[in-house]
Protein backbone atom coordinates (compact mmCIF):
# COMPACT_ATOMS: atom_id res chain seq x y z
CA MET A 1 -32.43 -133.05 -66.31
CA GLY A 2 -30.87 -133.47 -69.74
CA ASP A 3 -31.21 -129.74 -70.33
CA PHE A 4 -29.20 -129.10 -67.19
CA TRP A 5 -26.31 -131.30 -68.36
CA ALA A 6 -26.46 -129.84 -71.87
CA MET A 7 -26.49 -126.27 -70.50
CA GLY A 8 -28.10 -124.87 -73.62
CA GLY A 9 -25.53 -126.49 -75.90
CA HIS A 10 -22.55 -125.26 -73.87
CA GLY A 11 -22.25 -128.32 -71.61
CA ALA A 12 -19.43 -129.73 -73.75
CA PHE A 13 -17.33 -126.71 -72.73
CA VAL A 14 -18.60 -126.07 -69.20
CA TRP A 15 -18.21 -129.55 -67.68
CA PRO A 16 -14.64 -130.12 -68.90
CA ALA A 17 -13.75 -126.66 -67.55
CA TYR A 18 -15.12 -127.68 -64.14
CA GLY A 19 -13.15 -130.93 -64.39
CA VAL A 20 -9.90 -129.14 -65.22
CA GLY A 21 -10.48 -126.62 -62.44
CA LEU A 22 -11.13 -129.32 -59.85
CA GLY A 23 -8.15 -131.30 -61.12
CA VAL A 24 -5.85 -128.31 -60.71
CA LEU A 25 -7.15 -127.71 -57.19
CA ALA A 26 -6.62 -131.38 -56.31
CA VAL A 27 -3.04 -131.30 -57.61
CA LEU A 28 -2.31 -128.09 -55.69
CA ALA A 29 -3.71 -129.58 -52.49
CA GLY A 30 -1.68 -132.77 -52.99
CA VAL A 31 1.54 -130.88 -53.66
CA SER A 32 0.93 -128.67 -50.62
CA VAL A 33 0.43 -131.67 -48.33
CA TRP A 34 3.50 -133.41 -49.80
CA ARG A 35 5.69 -130.32 -49.33
CA LEU A 36 4.37 -129.84 -45.79
CA GLY A 37 5.47 -133.38 -44.97
CA LYS A 38 8.92 -132.72 -46.41
CA ARG A 39 9.29 -129.47 -44.47
CA GLU A 40 8.14 -131.05 -41.21
CA ALA A 41 10.67 -133.86 -41.66
CA GLU A 42 13.39 -131.31 -42.42
CA LEU A 43 12.45 -129.29 -39.33
CA LYS A 44 12.51 -132.42 -37.18
CA ASN A 45 16.00 -133.29 -38.48
CA LEU A 46 17.26 -129.76 -37.85
CA GLN A 47 15.82 -129.71 -34.35
CA ALA A 48 17.44 -133.06 -33.60
CA SER A 49 20.82 -131.92 -34.89
CA LEU A 50 20.65 -128.63 -32.99
CA GLY A 51 19.25 -130.13 -29.79
CA ASP A 52 22.62 -130.66 -28.12
CA ARG A 53 23.87 -127.20 -29.10
CA ARG A 54 20.74 -125.52 -27.76
CA CYS A 55 21.14 -127.28 -24.41
CA VAL A 56 24.76 -126.14 -24.17
CA ALA A 57 23.83 -122.57 -25.12
CA ARG A 58 20.96 -122.53 -22.62
CA GLU A 59 23.26 -123.74 -19.83
CA ALA A 60 25.84 -121.11 -20.73
CA LEU A 61 23.17 -118.40 -20.65
CA HIS A 62 21.90 -119.50 -17.23
CA HIS A 63 25.45 -119.71 -15.92
CA ARG A 64 26.13 -116.16 -17.16
CA GLU A 65 22.96 -114.86 -15.49
CA ASP A 66 23.93 -116.46 -12.17
CA THR A 67 27.42 -114.95 -12.21
CA PRO A 68 27.59 -111.49 -10.60
């Protein structure tokens, strides 16, 4: 098993490279989840602020369709 970890004398380079690679992937995943949360909150705020305007626009559209 020691030979596996030593990797023919290259283990000192291989295992830190795996660690750095996994660390970068973890940071990217974390940043992606964090940004997703920010964007979802921003979308929710925009939808709440536009909610009244969309209702008014929808009513105007239906009123226009009903008018001959």
